[in-house]
Amino acid sequence: MALLVGRHLNKIDKKGRVSVPKPFRAAMVDQGFAGIYIFPYFQSPALEGTGEAFMQRLTNSLEENFDMFSEDQEDLAAITLESTHQLSFDPEGRVTLPAELCQHAGLTTQALFVGRGSRFRIWAPDAYGLHSQGQMDRARSRGVTLPLSPLQPNRKI
């Protein structure tokens, strides 16, 4: 799957339709479903978006890493799977964002798509600005570093 990176600002029309950035659309279509999966991001006023492959990983993780009917499994399933909307692309590459998702993220006239590798988030631009600055400040104050994963065979940098 192509990596979802960068930031893309798009307008939301009066019907709640927004164009999904072309690189993001291409990555999703390559997974077999011509659309995206969106759910409220529970840690911030944003939406989490992804394709079918990641949704399958998430489902598998919930089923394999938690006891069935445990409170943790129930809570995580509720804030992810139960709240997910499967949104198909229209012929222009747009999706219609449900009102409840727009309300959660404070989306009105613009949506900022922010790449996160195999996922992306959709933010109201002002909310993202505050969130992003807070992340930068926290990372600097803690001296965060990232150990790189080892190279996989037959892969070049």
Protein backbone atom coordinates (compact mmCIF):
# COMPACT_ATOMS: atom_id res chain seq x y z
CA MET A 1 0.00 0.00 0.00
CA ALA A 2 1.18 3.51 -0.78
CA LEU A 3 2.03 5.58 2.27
CA LEU A 4 -0.43 8.26 3.27
CA VAL A 5 1.68 11.33 4.00
CA GLY A 6 1.44 15.10 3.98
CA ARG A 7 -1.36 17.55 4.61
CA HIS A 8 -4.13 18.36 2.15
CA LEU A 9 -6.76 21.07 2.72
CA ASN A 10 -10.09 20.58 0.92
CA LYS A 11 -13.43 22.37 1.01
CA ILE A 12 -16.58 20.78 2.39
CA ASP A 13 -19.65 21.68 0.34
CA LYS A 14 -23.12 22.40 1.73
CA LYS A 15 -24.11 18.73 1.33
CA GLY A 16 -21.16 17.59 3.47
CA ARG A 17 -19.14 16.31 0.53
CA VAL A 18 -15.37 16.59 0.54
CA SER A 19 -12.83 15.49 -2.03
CA VAL A 20 -10.43 12.87 -0.69
CA PRO A 21 -6.85 13.71 -1.77
CA LYS A 22 -5.90 11.83 -4.92
CA PRO A 23 -2.93 9.94 -3.37
CA PHE A 24 -5.18 8.78 -0.51
CA ARG A 25 -7.91 7.67 -2.92
CA ALA A 26 -5.43 5.69 -5.01
CA ALA A 27 -4.11 3.87 -1.93
CA MET A 28 -7.65 2.94 -0.84
CA VAL A 29 -8.80 1.72 -4.27
CA ASP A 30 -5.72 -0.53 -4.45
CA GLN A 31 -7.16 -2.39 -1.43
CA GLY A 32 -10.31 -3.39 -3.27
CA PHE A 33 -12.90 -0.97 -1.84
CA ALA A 34 -13.48 2.30 -3.71
CA GLY A 35 -13.92 4.32 -0.56
CA ILE A 36 -12.68 4.91 2.96
CA TYR A 37 -13.49 3.85 6.50
CA ILE A 38 -13.91 6.73 8.95
CA PHE A 39 -14.51 6.80 12.70
CA PRO A 40 -14.24 9.46 15.42
CA TYR A 41 -10.72 9.68 16.83
CA PHE A 42 -11.37 9.29 20.55
CA GLN A 43 -8.31 11.18 21.81
CA SER A 44 -8.90 14.43 19.90
CA PRO A 45 -11.58 16.26 17.91
CA ALA A 46 -10.59 14.59 14.64
CA LEU A 47 -11.62 11.69 12.43
CA GLU A 48 -9.52 8.60 11.80
CA GLY A 49 -9.58 7.30 8.25
CA THR A 50 -8.13 4.22 6.63
CA GLY A 51 -8.67 1.47 4.11
CA GLU A 52 -9.95 -2.06 4.30
CA ALA A 53 -6.57 -3.65 5.08
CA PHE A 54 -6.08 -1.60 8.25
CA MET A 55 -9.69 -2.17 9.34
CA GLN A 56 -9.07 -5.90 9.06
CA ARG A 57 -5.90 -5.56 11.18
CA LEU A 58 -7.83 -3.59 13.77
CA THR A 59 -10.59 -6.20 13.89
CA ASN A 60 -8.06 -9.01 14.21
CA SER A 61 -6.28 -7.18 17.03
CA LEU A 62 -9.53 -6.75 18.95
CA GLU A 63 -10.36 -10.43 18.57
CA GLU A 64 -6.88 -11.84 19.21
CA ASN A 65 -5.54 -9.57 21.97
CA PHE A 66 -8.52 -9.27 24.29
CA ASP A 67 -10.75 -11.74 26.02
CA MET A 68 -14.11 -11.92 24.35
CA PHE A 69 -16.67 -9.72 26.12
CA SER A 70 -13.99 -8.10 28.30
CA GLU A 71 -14.58 -4.45 29.12
CA ASP A 72 -11.45 -3.42 27.19
CA GLN A 73 -12.57 -5.28 24.07
CA GLU A 74 -16.08 -3.89 24.37
CA ASP A 75 -14.85 -0.32 24.86
CA LEU A 76 -12.36 -0.42 21.99
CA ALA A 77 -14.84 -2.07 19.64
CA ALA A 78 -17.41 0.59 20.51
CA ILE A 79 -15.09 3.52 19.77
CA THR A 80 -13.76 1.99 16.57
CA LEU A 81 -15.83 -0.66 14.81
CA GLU A 82 -19.27 0.42 16.03
CA SER A 83 -18.56 4.05 15.15
CA THR A 84 -17.04 3.40 11.73
CA HIS A 85 -18.69 4.63 8.56
CA GLN A 86 -17.85 2.96 5.26
CA LEU A 87 -17.95 5.82 2.71
CA SER A 88 -17.81 5.15 -1.03
CA PHE A 89 -16.17 7.57 -3.46
CA ASP A 90 -18.49 9.34 -5.87
CA PRO A 91 -17.38 9.78 -9.52
CA GLU A 92 -15.45 12.96 -8.55
CA GLY A 93 -13.55 11.24 -5.70
CA ARG A 94 -15.64 12.77 -2.95
CA VAL A 95 -17.26 11.24 0.12
CA THR A 96 -20.18 12.60 2.11
CA LEU A 97 -19.23 13.02 5.75
CA PRO A 98 -22.07 12.13 8.13
CA ALA A 99 -23.23 15.01 10.34
CA GLU A 100 -22.25 13.16 13.55
CA LEU A 101 -18.64 12.87 12.33
CA CYS A 102 -18.52 16.54 11.30
CA GLN A 103 -19.83 17.48 14.72
CA HIS A 104 -17.22 15.37 16.54
CA ALA A 105 -14.36 16.99 14.60
CA GLY A 106 -15.84 20.50 14.40
CA LEU A 107 -15.80 20.37 10.59
CA THR A 108 -17.75 23.07 8.78
CA THR A 109 -16.32 24.43 5.53
CA GLN A 110 -12.84 22.88 5.34
CA ALA A 111 -11.24 19.53 6.08
CA LEU A 112 -7.51 19.04 6.60
CA PHE A 113 -6.41 15.54 5.64
CA VAL A 114 -3.23 14.58 7.53
CA GLY A 115 -1.30 11.48 6.48
CA ARG A 116 -0.29 8.97 9.17
CA GLY A 117 1.29 6.15 7.15
CA SER A 118 -1.39 3.51 6.70
CA ARG A 119 -4.05 5.84 8.14
CA PHE A 120 -4.99 9.49 8.00
CA ARG A 121 -6.83 11.97 10.13
CA ILE A 122 -9.29 14.66 9.15
CA TRP A 123 -9.15 17.85 11.20
CA ALA A 124 -10.72 21.28 11.28
CA PRO A 125 -7.69 23.40 10.28
CA ASP A 126 -7.60 25.52 13.47
CA ALA A 127 -7.92 22.49 15.75
CA TYR A 128 -5.07 20.78 13.89
CA GLY A 129 -2.84 23.82 14.30
CA LEU A 130 -3.24 23.75 18.07
CA HIS A 131 -2.85 19.98 18.24
CA SER A 132 0.24 19.96 16.03
CA GLN A 133 1.99 22.64 18.07
CA GLY A 134 1.26 20.71 21.27
CA GLN A 135 2.78 17.55 19.77
CA MET A 136 5.90 19.43 18.69
CA ASP A 137 6.29 20.99 22.13
CA ARG A 138 5.85 17.62 23.92
CA ALA A 139 8.30 15.83 21.62
CA ARG A 140 10.92 18.54 22.13
CA SER A 141 10.51 18.65 25.90
CA ARG A 142 10.84 14.86 26.20
CA GLY A 143 13.65 14.51 23.65
CA VAL A 144 11.67 11.88 21.73
CA THR A 145 13.62 9.63 19.38
CA LEU A 146 12.54 6.85 17.06
CA PRO A 147 14.54 3.65 16.56
CA LEU A 148 14.20 2.65 12.91
CA SER A 149 12.91 -0.79 12.06
CA PRO A 150 15.46 -3.05 10.36
CA LEU A 151 15.46 -3.15 6.58
CA GLN A 152 13.42 -5.90 5.06
CA PRO A 153 15.19 -8.17 2.54
CA ASN A 154 15.06 -6.92 -1.09
CA ARG A 155 14.22 -3.41 0.03
CA LYS A 156 16.32 -0.38 -0.81
CA ILE A 157 16.46 2.98 0.91
